[in-house]
N, C-alpha and C. Protein backbone atom coordinates (compact mmCIF):
# COMPACT_ATOMS: atom_id res chain seq x y z
N MET A 1 0.84 -1.17 0.00
CA MET A 1 0.00 0.00 0.00
C MET A 1 0.90 1.24 0.00
N ARG A 2 0.44 2.29 -0.70
CA ARG A 2 1.17 3.55 -0.68
C ARG A 2 0.20 4.70 -0.39
N VAL A 3 0.73 5.74 0.18
CA VAL A 3 -0.05 6.93 0.49
C VAL A 3 0.10 7.89 -0.67
N ILE A 4 -1.03 8.37 -1.17
CA ILE A 4 -1.02 9.35 -2.25
C ILE A 4 -1.73 10.60 -1.75
N PRO A 5 -0.99 11.69 -1.54
CA PRO A 5 -1.64 12.92 -1.08
C PRO A 5 -2.58 13.47 -2.15
N ILE A 6 -3.61 14.15 -1.69
CA ILE A 6 -4.56 14.78 -2.61
C ILE A 6 -4.77 16.23 -2.17
N GLY A 7 -5.20 17.04 -3.11
CA GLY A 7 -5.46 18.44 -2.82
C GLY A 7 -6.78 18.63 -2.09
N PRO A 8 -6.99 19.82 -1.53
CA PRO A 8 -8.20 20.07 -0.73
C PRO A 8 -9.50 19.97 -1.52
N THR A 9 -9.50 20.36 -2.79
CA THR A 9 -10.73 20.30 -3.58
C THR A 9 -11.15 18.85 -3.81
N LEU A 10 -10.20 18.01 -4.21
CA LEU A 10 -10.51 16.60 -4.42
C LEU A 10 -10.90 15.93 -3.11
N LYS A 11 -10.22 16.28 -2.03
CA LYS A 11 -10.55 15.70 -0.72
C LYS A 11 -11.99 16.00 -0.35
N LYS A 12 -12.40 17.23 -0.55
CA LYS A 12 -13.78 17.64 -0.23
C LYS A 12 -14.79 16.84 -1.06
N LEU A 13 -14.52 16.71 -2.36
CA LEU A 13 -15.42 15.95 -3.23
C LEU A 13 -15.50 14.48 -2.84
N LEU A 14 -14.35 13.88 -2.54
CA LEU A 14 -14.33 12.46 -2.17
C LEU A 14 -15.02 12.22 -0.83
N LEU A 15 -14.81 13.12 0.13
CA LEU A 15 -15.48 12.97 1.43
C LEU A 15 -16.99 13.10 1.28
N LYS A 16 -17.42 14.02 0.45
CA LYS A 16 -18.85 14.19 0.20
C LYS A 16 -19.43 12.92 -0.41
N HIS A 17 -18.73 12.36 -1.37
CA HIS A 17 -19.19 11.13 -2.02
C HIS A 17 -19.18 9.96 -1.03
N LYS A 18 -18.14 9.88 -0.22
CA LYS A 18 -18.03 8.79 0.76
C LYS A 18 -19.16 8.87 1.78
N ASN A 19 -19.51 10.07 2.20
CA ASN A 19 -20.58 10.24 3.18
C ASN A 19 -21.94 9.81 2.65
N SER A 20 -22.11 9.84 1.33
CA SER A 20 -23.37 9.39 0.75
C SER A 20 -23.30 7.93 0.31
N SER A 21 -22.17 7.29 0.54
CA SER A 21 -21.96 5.91 0.12
C SER A 21 -22.20 4.97 1.31
N ARG A 22 -22.70 3.79 1.01
CA ARG A 22 -22.89 2.79 2.07
C ARG A 22 -21.56 2.09 2.34
N GLY A 23 -21.27 1.86 3.60
CA GLY A 23 -20.02 1.18 3.94
C GLY A 23 -18.90 2.19 4.13
N GLY A 24 -17.70 1.71 4.31
CA GLY A 24 -16.57 2.58 4.59
C GLY A 24 -15.74 2.94 3.39
N PHE A 25 -16.28 2.76 2.20
CA PHE A 25 -15.52 3.01 0.98
C PHE A 25 -16.05 4.23 0.26
N VAL A 26 -15.16 4.93 -0.42
CA VAL A 26 -15.59 6.09 -1.21
C VAL A 26 -16.47 5.62 -2.36
N PHE A 27 -16.02 4.61 -3.06
CA PHE A 27 -16.79 4.04 -4.17
C PHE A 27 -17.16 2.61 -3.79
N SER A 28 -18.45 2.38 -3.59
CA SER A 28 -18.87 1.05 -3.15
C SER A 28 -20.15 0.63 -3.84
N THR A 29 -20.37 -0.66 -3.80
CA THR A 29 -21.61 -1.26 -4.28
C THR A 29 -22.13 -2.12 -3.14
N ASN A 30 -23.28 -1.77 -2.62
CA ASN A 30 -23.88 -2.49 -1.50
C ASN A 30 -22.92 -2.60 -0.31
N GLY A 31 -22.19 -1.54 -0.03
CA GLY A 31 -21.28 -1.51 1.10
C GLY A 31 -19.94 -2.18 0.87
N GLN A 32 -19.73 -2.72 -0.30
CA GLN A 32 -18.47 -3.39 -0.64
C GLN A 32 -17.70 -2.53 -1.65
N PRO A 33 -16.37 -2.68 -1.68
CA PRO A 33 -15.62 -1.92 -2.68
C PRO A 33 -16.10 -2.26 -4.08
N CYS A 34 -16.23 -1.26 -4.92
CA CYS A 34 -16.74 -1.52 -6.27
C CYS A 34 -15.66 -2.17 -7.14
N GLU A 35 -16.12 -2.86 -8.13
CA GLU A 35 -15.22 -3.52 -9.08
C GLU A 35 -14.52 -2.46 -9.93
N PRO A 36 -13.26 -2.66 -10.27
CA PRO A 36 -12.55 -1.71 -11.13
C PRO A 36 -13.28 -1.45 -12.45
N ARG A 37 -13.93 -2.45 -13.00
CA ARG A 37 -14.63 -2.26 -14.27
C ARG A 37 -15.79 -1.27 -14.14
N LEU A 38 -16.35 -1.14 -12.93
CA LEU A 38 -17.42 -0.16 -12.72
C LEU A 38 -16.85 1.26 -12.79
N LEU A 39 -15.66 1.46 -12.23
CA LEU A 39 -15.01 2.77 -12.35
C LEU A 39 -14.70 3.08 -13.81
N THR A 40 -14.25 2.07 -14.54
CA THR A 40 -13.96 2.24 -15.97
C THR A 40 -15.23 2.61 -16.73
N TYR A 41 -16.32 1.94 -16.40
CA TYR A 41 -17.61 2.23 -17.05
C TYR A 41 -17.99 3.69 -16.85
N HIS A 42 -17.91 4.16 -15.61
CA HIS A 42 -18.28 5.55 -15.33
C HIS A 42 -17.30 6.54 -15.96
N PHE A 43 -16.03 6.18 -15.99
CA PHE A 43 -15.04 7.02 -16.67
C PHE A 43 -15.41 7.18 -18.14
N HIS A 44 -15.80 6.09 -18.79
CA HIS A 44 -16.18 6.15 -20.20
C HIS A 44 -17.40 7.05 -20.41
N LYS A 45 -18.36 7.00 -19.51
CA LYS A 45 -19.54 7.86 -19.63
C LYS A 45 -19.17 9.33 -19.51
N VAL A 46 -18.33 9.66 -18.54
CA VAL A 46 -17.89 11.05 -18.35
C VAL A 46 -17.07 11.51 -19.54
N ARG A 47 -16.19 10.64 -19.99
CA ARG A 47 -15.32 10.94 -21.13
C ARG A 47 -16.15 11.25 -22.37
N GLU A 48 -17.14 10.42 -22.65
CA GLU A 48 -17.98 10.64 -23.84
C GLU A 48 -18.79 11.92 -23.71
N LYS A 49 -19.30 12.20 -22.52
CA LYS A 49 -20.06 13.43 -22.29
C LYS A 49 -19.19 14.66 -22.54
N ALA A 50 -17.90 14.54 -22.22
CA ALA A 50 -16.96 15.65 -22.41
C ALA A 50 -16.41 15.70 -23.83
N GLY A 51 -16.80 14.74 -24.68
CA GLY A 51 -16.32 14.71 -26.05
C GLY A 51 -14.87 14.26 -26.18
N LEU A 52 -14.43 13.43 -25.27
CA LEU A 52 -13.05 12.96 -25.26
C LEU A 52 -12.99 11.45 -25.48
N SER A 53 -13.65 10.99 -26.51
CA SER A 53 -13.79 9.54 -26.70
C SER A 53 -12.49 8.80 -26.96
N THR A 54 -11.42 9.51 -27.29
CA THR A 54 -10.16 8.81 -27.57
C THR A 54 -9.24 8.75 -26.35
N ILE A 55 -9.67 9.30 -25.22
CA ILE A 55 -8.87 9.28 -24.00
C ILE A 55 -9.12 7.98 -23.24
N HIS A 56 -8.04 7.35 -22.80
CA HIS A 56 -8.15 6.13 -22.00
C HIS A 56 -7.72 6.44 -20.57
N PHE A 57 -8.26 5.69 -19.63
CA PHE A 57 -8.02 5.95 -18.21
C PHE A 57 -6.53 6.02 -17.89
N HIS A 58 -5.74 5.10 -18.42
CA HIS A 58 -4.31 5.06 -18.10
C HIS A 58 -3.57 6.29 -18.63
N GLN A 59 -4.14 6.96 -19.62
CA GLN A 59 -3.51 8.17 -20.15
C GLN A 59 -3.49 9.29 -19.11
N LEU A 60 -4.43 9.27 -18.18
CA LEU A 60 -4.42 10.27 -17.11
C LEU A 60 -3.16 10.12 -16.26
N ARG A 61 -2.81 8.88 -15.96
CA ARG A 61 -1.59 8.59 -15.20
C ARG A 61 -0.35 9.02 -15.99
N HIS A 62 -0.34 8.69 -17.27
CA HIS A 62 0.80 9.01 -18.12
C HIS A 62 0.97 10.53 -18.23
N THR A 63 -0.13 11.24 -18.41
CA THR A 63 -0.09 12.70 -18.50
C THR A 63 0.41 13.31 -17.19
N PHE A 64 -0.10 12.81 -16.08
CA PHE A 64 0.36 13.30 -14.77
C PHE A 64 1.87 13.14 -14.63
N ALA A 65 2.36 11.95 -14.91
CA ALA A 65 3.79 11.67 -14.76
C ALA A 65 4.63 12.54 -15.68
N THR A 66 4.21 12.64 -16.93
CA THR A 66 4.97 13.43 -17.90
C THR A 66 5.00 14.90 -17.50
N ARG A 67 3.86 15.44 -17.10
CA ARG A 67 3.80 16.85 -16.71
C ARG A 67 4.63 17.12 -15.46
N CYS A 68 4.64 16.18 -14.52
CA CYS A 68 5.49 16.34 -13.33
C CYS A 68 6.95 16.43 -13.72
N LEU A 69 7.37 15.55 -14.60
CA LEU A 69 8.77 15.55 -15.03
C LEU A 69 9.10 16.79 -15.85
N GLU A 70 8.18 17.23 -16.69
CA GLU A 70 8.39 18.45 -17.47
C GLU A 70 8.51 19.68 -16.56
N ALA A 71 7.82 19.63 -15.43
CA ALA A 71 7.87 20.75 -14.47
C ALA A 71 9.04 20.61 -13.51
N ASN A 72 9.94 19.68 -13.82
CA ASN A 72 11.14 19.44 -13.01
C ASN A 72 10.85 19.07 -11.57
N ARG A 73 9.78 18.32 -11.36
CA ARG A 73 9.50 17.79 -10.02
C ARG A 73 10.52 16.70 -9.74
N ASP A 74 10.85 16.52 -8.48
CA ASP A 74 11.92 15.56 -8.19
C ASP A 74 11.47 14.14 -8.51
N ILE A 75 12.35 13.43 -9.16
CA ILE A 75 12.04 12.10 -9.68
C ILE A 75 11.68 11.10 -8.58
N PRO A 76 12.37 11.09 -7.43
CA PRO A 76 11.95 10.14 -6.38
C PRO A 76 10.50 10.34 -5.93
N SER A 77 10.06 11.58 -5.84
CA SER A 77 8.66 11.83 -5.45
C SER A 77 7.69 11.36 -6.52
N VAL A 78 8.00 11.66 -7.77
CA VAL A 78 7.14 11.21 -8.87
C VAL A 78 7.09 9.69 -8.90
N SER A 79 8.23 9.05 -8.75
CA SER A 79 8.29 7.58 -8.73
C SER A 79 7.44 7.01 -7.61
N ALA A 80 7.54 7.61 -6.43
CA ALA A 80 6.76 7.13 -5.28
C ALA A 80 5.27 7.29 -5.52
N LEU A 81 4.86 8.42 -6.08
CA LEU A 81 3.44 8.63 -6.37
C LEU A 81 2.91 7.62 -7.38
N LEU A 82 3.75 7.23 -8.32
CA LEU A 82 3.35 6.27 -9.34
C LEU A 82 3.45 4.82 -8.86
N GLY A 83 4.10 4.61 -7.71
CA GLY A 83 4.26 3.26 -7.19
C GLY A 83 5.36 2.48 -7.88
N HIS A 84 6.28 3.18 -8.52
CA HIS A 84 7.39 2.50 -9.19
C HIS A 84 8.41 2.03 -8.15
N THR A 85 9.07 0.93 -8.46
CA THR A 85 10.07 0.37 -7.54
C THR A 85 11.40 1.09 -7.63
N SER A 86 11.60 1.86 -8.69
CA SER A 86 12.85 2.61 -8.84
C SER A 86 12.62 3.86 -9.66
N THR A 87 13.50 4.83 -9.47
CA THR A 87 13.42 6.04 -10.28
C THR A 87 13.76 5.73 -11.74
N GLN A 88 14.60 4.73 -11.95
CA GLN A 88 14.96 4.34 -13.31
C GLN A 88 13.73 3.87 -14.08
N MET A 89 12.84 3.17 -13.41
CA MET A 89 11.60 2.71 -14.06
C MET A 89 10.79 3.92 -14.53
N THR A 90 10.72 4.94 -13.70
CA THR A 90 9.99 6.16 -14.06
C THR A 90 10.64 6.82 -15.27
N LEU A 91 11.94 6.97 -15.22
CA LEU A 91 12.65 7.60 -16.34
C LEU A 91 12.50 6.79 -17.62
N ASP A 92 12.66 5.48 -17.53
CA ASP A 92 12.54 4.63 -18.71
C ASP A 92 11.15 4.70 -19.33
N THR A 93 10.14 4.86 -18.49
CA THR A 93 8.76 4.84 -18.96
C THR A 93 8.31 6.18 -19.51
N TYR A 94 8.70 7.28 -18.86
CA TYR A 94 8.09 8.57 -19.18
C TYR A 94 8.98 9.60 -19.86
N VAL A 95 10.26 9.48 -19.79
CA VAL A 95 11.12 10.51 -20.37
C VAL A 95 10.97 10.58 -21.89
N ASP A 96 10.72 9.47 -22.55
CA ASP A 96 10.55 9.48 -24.00
C ASP A 96 9.38 10.36 -24.45
N ALA A 97 8.41 10.56 -23.57
CA ALA A 97 7.23 11.34 -23.95
C ALA A 97 7.46 12.85 -23.88
N MET A 98 8.60 13.28 -23.40
CA MET A 98 8.83 14.70 -23.14
C MET A 98 9.39 15.42 -24.36
N ILE A 99 8.68 15.38 -25.46
CA ILE A 99 9.13 15.97 -26.73
C ILE A 99 9.28 17.48 -26.62
N GLU A 100 8.41 18.14 -25.84
CA GLU A 100 8.49 19.59 -25.72
C GLU A 100 9.85 20.03 -25.18
N GLN A 101 10.37 19.28 -24.23
CA GLN A 101 11.67 19.64 -23.67
C GLN A 101 12.78 19.39 -24.67
N ARG A 102 12.65 18.36 -25.48
CA ARG A 102 13.67 18.11 -26.51
C ARG A 102 13.70 19.26 -27.52
N VAL A 103 12.52 19.72 -27.91
CA VAL A 103 12.44 20.85 -28.85
C VAL A 103 13.08 22.08 -28.23
N GLN A 104 12.81 22.31 -26.95
CA GLN A 104 13.39 23.47 -26.26
C GLN A 104 14.92 23.37 -26.22
N VAL A 105 15.46 22.20 -25.96
CA VAL A 105 16.91 22.01 -25.93
C VAL A 105 17.51 22.35 -27.29
N ILE A 106 16.89 21.86 -28.36
CA ILE A 106 17.39 22.14 -29.71
C ILE A 106 17.34 23.63 -30.01
N CYS A 107 16.24 24.29 -29.63
CA CYS A 107 16.13 25.74 -29.86
C CYS A 107 17.20 26.51 -29.09
N GLU A 108 17.44 26.11 -27.85
CA GLU A 108 18.47 26.78 -27.05
C GLU A 108 19.86 26.55 -27.63
N MET A 109 20.13 25.35 -28.07
CA MET A 109 21.43 25.05 -28.67
C MET A 109 21.62 25.80 -29.99
N THR A 110 20.55 25.92 -30.76
CA THR A 110 20.61 26.66 -32.02
C THR A 110 20.97 28.12 -31.76
N LYS A 111 20.38 28.71 -30.72
CA LYS A 111 20.69 30.09 -30.37
C LYS A 111 22.15 30.24 -29.94
N LEU A 112 22.65 29.28 -29.19
CA LEU A 112 24.05 29.34 -28.73
C LEU A 112 25.03 29.23 -29.89
N ILE A 113 24.71 28.35 -30.82
CA ILE A 113 25.60 28.12 -31.96
C ILE A 113 25.53 29.29 -32.94
N GLY A 114 24.35 29.86 -33.04
CA GLY A 114 24.21 31.03 -33.89
C GLY A 114 23.66 30.70 -35.20
């Protein structure tokens, strides 16, 4: 198990949902933890309503990780949030997606060279 901190807005929303849920779970069915496929089902409904039919649930994780690395967040923290066993796993998985930073490096080098 790992602890994942959340912001105050999400905390408020989750607590509100948990208080209206039966049992001790935020997302439950008849007081029991809901099946992952039920979360996927609801994600698809929200996604379609938002007109984002090509977005997959795992892409949210990928986007989060990539944006953290692009913002120069420390790699051990990002790795821990993702549940990776090593920082190398995080780098191997997500650094390839950081095309914007590669473009920036080339632009900066072009300016230096003249």
